[in-house]
């Protein structure tokens, strides 16, 4: 089946991972060959707003999608510095997509 994109990037916190997150990733996998899930707030200390580590959230996601077409990476927060945050996103995507020549990448 022909997929519209090589990679689709989904940025989420998943605190916790919900049915809406699952449906979004499912749709992304139907549109692209591979999905990159970037988990935000990955290195924030555990508290009421961030009850799960990024590894625990990755396990929740992976439990719903046991496929090698889904890449899960942590992303650090940079409050009030969108340039650094954007650069971190770009670096994470590049590290995953660099093996494909001229990949088509879309962010949802």
C-alpha atoms as a PDB file:
ATOM      1  CA  UNK A   1       0.000   0.000   0.000  1.00  0.00           C
ATOM      2  CA  UNK A   2       1.340   3.428  -0.968  1.00  0.00           C
ATOM      3  CA  UNK A   3       1.845   5.788   1.953  1.00  0.00           C
ATOM      4  CA  UNK A   4       1.737   9.536   1.463  1.00  0.00           C
ATOM      5  CA  UNK A   5       4.768  10.304   3.663  1.00  0.00           C
ATOM      6  CA  UNK A   6       7.985   8.605   4.708  1.00  0.00           C
ATOM      7  CA  UNK A   7       7.743   9.946   8.279  1.00  0.00           C
ATOM      8  CA  UNK A   8       5.041  11.616  10.313  1.00  0.00           C
ATOM      9  CA  UNK A   9       6.096  13.411  13.516  1.00  0.00           C
ATOM     10  CA  UNK A  10       3.742  13.555  16.491  1.00  0.00           C
ATOM     11  CA  UNK A  11       4.722  15.619  19.544  1.00  0.00           C
ATOM     12  CA  UNK A  12       2.837  14.687  22.698  1.00  0.00           C
ATOM     13  CA  UNK A  13       3.182  14.618  26.469  1.00  0.00           C
ATOM     14  CA  UNK A  14       1.004  11.532  27.058  1.00  0.00           C
ATOM     15  CA  UNK A  15       0.427  12.268  30.739  1.00  0.00           C
ATOM     16  CA  UNK A  16      -1.210   9.734  30.537  1.00  0.00           C
ATOM     17  CA  UNK A  17      -1.401   8.104  27.108  1.00  0.00           C
ATOM     18  CA  UNK A  18      -5.068   8.328  26.068  1.00  0.00           C
ATOM     19  CA  UNK A  19      -7.387   6.869  23.464  1.00  0.00           C
ATOM     20  CA  UNK A  20      -7.096  10.141  21.514  1.00  0.00           C
ATOM     21  CA  UNK A  21      -3.304   9.726  21.395  1.00  0.00           C
ATOM     22  CA  UNK A  22      -3.717   6.127  20.260  1.00  0.00           C
ATOM     23  CA  UNK A  23      -6.136   7.097  17.487  1.00  0.00           C
ATOM     24  CA  UNK A  24      -3.799   9.855  16.298  1.00  0.00           C
ATOM     25  CA  UNK A  25      -0.853   7.456  16.054  1.00  0.00           C
ATOM     26  CA  UNK A  26      -3.043   4.874  14.338  1.00  0.00           C
ATOM     27  CA  UNK A  27      -4.078   7.460  11.733  1.00  0.00           C
ATOM     28  CA  UNK A  28      -0.463   8.594  11.348  1.00  0.00           C
ATOM     29  CA  UNK A  29       0.630   5.008  10.666  1.00  0.00           C
ATOM     30  CA  UNK A  30      -2.038   4.769   7.959  1.00  0.00           C
ATOM     31  CA  UNK A  31      -0.638   7.886   6.226  1.00  0.00           C
ATOM     32  CA  UNK A  32       3.097   7.297   6.549  1.00  0.00           C
ATOM     33  CA  UNK A  33       5.669   4.521   6.443  1.00  0.00           C
ATOM     34  CA  UNK A  34       6.984   5.443   9.897  1.00  0.00           C
ATOM     35  CA  UNK A  35       5.863   7.577  12.824  1.00  0.00           C
ATOM     36  CA  UNK A  36       8.136   9.490  15.174  1.00  0.00           C
ATOM     37  CA  UNK A  37       6.510  10.107  18.568  1.00  0.00           C
ATOM     38  CA  UNK A  38       8.390  12.799  20.492  1.00  0.00           C
ATOM     39  CA  UNK A  39       7.493  12.769  24.173  1.00  0.00           C
ATOM     40  CA  UNK A  40       7.581  16.253  25.679  1.00  0.00           C
ATOM     41  CA  UNK A  41       8.318  17.135  29.295  1.00  0.00           C
ATOM     42  CA  UNK A  42      10.570  14.098  29.320  1.00  0.00           C
ATOM     43  CA  UNK A  43      12.998  15.216  31.963  1.00  0.00           C
ATOM     44  CA  UNK A  44      10.618  17.058  34.268  1.00  0.00           C
ATOM     45  CA  UNK A  45      10.587  15.769  37.830  1.00  0.00           C
ATOM     46  CA  UNK A  46       7.713  13.494  38.770  1.00  0.00           C
ATOM     47  CA  UNK A  47       4.822  15.541  40.212  1.00  0.00           C
ATOM     48  CA  UNK A  48       1.020  15.873  39.874  1.00  0.00           C
ATOM     49  CA  UNK A  49       1.334  17.389  36.375  1.00  0.00           C
ATOM     50  CA  UNK A  50       3.999  14.872  35.296  1.00  0.00           C
ATOM     51  CA  UNK A  51       3.199  11.626  37.114  1.00  0.00           C
ATOM     52  CA  UNK A  52       5.068   9.349  34.664  1.00  0.00           C
ATOM     53  CA  UNK A  53       8.659   9.232  33.461  1.00  0.00           C
ATOM     54  CA  UNK A  54       9.167   9.411  29.713  1.00  0.00           C
ATOM     55  CA  UNK A  55      10.189   5.746  29.773  1.00  0.00           C
ATOM     56  CA  UNK A  56       6.892   4.777  31.416  1.00  0.00           C
ATOM     57  CA  UNK A  57       4.971   6.795  28.818  1.00  0.00           C
ATOM     58  CA  UNK A  58       6.993   5.143  26.027  1.00  0.00           C
ATOM     59  CA  UNK A  59       6.008   1.725  27.422  1.00  0.00           C
ATOM     60  CA  UNK A  60       2.324   2.745  27.379  1.00  0.00           C
ATOM     61  CA  UNK A  61       2.629   3.805  23.739  1.00  0.00           C
ATOM     62  CA  UNK A  62       4.673   0.774  22.718  1.00  0.00           C
ATOM     63  CA  UNK A  63       2.096  -1.490  24.361  1.00  0.00           C
ATOM     64  CA  UNK A  64      -0.493  -0.193  21.898  1.00  0.00           C
ATOM     65  CA  UNK A  65       1.806  -0.336  18.875  1.00  0.00           C
ATOM     66  CA  UNK A  66       4.259  -3.248  18.873  1.00  0.00           C
ATOM     67  CA  UNK A  67       5.754  -2.250  15.518  1.00  0.00           C
ATOM     68  CA  UNK A  68       9.184  -1.272  14.259  1.00  0.00           C
ATOM     69  CA  UNK A  69       7.492   1.537  12.289  1.00  0.00           C
ATOM     70  CA  UNK A  70       7.101   3.652  15.441  1.00  0.00           C
ATOM     71  CA  UNK A  71      10.070   5.545  16.871  1.00  0.00           C
ATOM     72  CA  UNK A  72       9.727   7.049  20.353  1.00  0.00           C
ATOM     73  CA  UNK A  73      12.156   9.684  21.599  1.00  0.00           C
ATOM     74  CA  UNK A  74      12.229  12.017  24.634  1.00  0.00           C
ATOM     75  CA  UNK A  75      12.190  15.800  24.258  1.00  0.00           C
ATOM     76  CA  UNK A  76      13.289  18.262  26.907  1.00  0.00           C
ATOM     77  CA  UNK A  77      11.183  21.347  27.672  1.00  0.00           C
ATOM     78  CA  UNK A  78      12.709  24.789  27.135  1.00  0.00           C
ATOM     79  CA  UNK A  79      10.216  27.239  28.618  1.00  0.00           C
ATOM     80  CA  UNK A  80      10.362  30.655  26.980  1.00  0.00           C
ATOM     81  CA  UNK A  81      12.950  29.531  24.432  1.00  0.00           C
ATOM     82  CA  UNK A  82      11.184  28.291  21.325  1.00  0.00           C
ATOM     83  CA  UNK A  83      14.366  28.421  19.239  1.00  0.00           C
ATOM     84  CA  UNK A  84      16.167  25.818  21.383  1.00  0.00           C
ATOM     85  CA  UNK A  85      13.026  23.664  21.609  1.00  0.00           C
ATOM     86  CA  UNK A  86      12.594  23.782  17.826  1.00  0.00           C
ATOM     87  CA  UNK A  87      16.245  22.864  17.353  1.00  0.00           C
ATOM     88  CA  UNK A  88      15.820  19.886  19.701  1.00  0.00           C
ATOM     89  CA  UNK A  89      12.828  18.699  17.655  1.00  0.00           C
ATOM     90  CA  UNK A  90      14.759  19.095  14.401  1.00  0.00           C
ATOM     91  CA  UNK A  91      17.765  17.199  15.784  1.00  0.00           C
ATOM     92  CA  UNK A  92      15.612  14.322  17.059  1.00  0.00           C
ATOM     93  CA  UNK A  93      13.862  14.021  13.691  1.00  0.00           C
ATOM     94  CA  UNK A  94      17.139  14.244  11.773  1.00  0.00           C
ATOM     95  CA  UNK A  95      18.749  11.525  13.927  1.00  0.00           C
ATOM     96  CA  UNK A  96      15.951   9.149  12.972  1.00  0.00           C
ATOM     97  CA  UNK A  97      15.463  10.148   9.323  1.00  0.00           C
ATOM     98  CA  UNK A  98      19.089  10.680   8.280  1.00  0.00           C
ATOM     99  CA  UNK A  99      19.382   7.191   6.755  1.00  0.00           C
ATOM    100  CA  UNK A 100      16.683   7.953   4.168  1.00  0.00           C
ATOM    101  CA  UNK A 101      17.632  10.120   1.203  1.00  0.00           C
ATOM    102  CA  UNK A 102      15.311  13.166   0.947  1.00  0.00           C
ATOM    103  CA  UNK A 103      12.610  11.843   3.270  1.00  0.00           C
ATOM    104  CA  UNK A 104       9.170  13.405   3.221  1.00  0.00           C
ATOM    105  CA  UNK A 105       8.420  14.449   6.787  1.00  0.00           C
ATOM    106  CA  UNK A 106       5.270  16.047   8.136  1.00  0.00           C
ATOM    107  CA  UNK A 107       4.449  17.285  11.639  1.00  0.00           C
ATOM    108  CA  UNK A 108       0.971  16.752  13.083  1.00  0.00           C
END
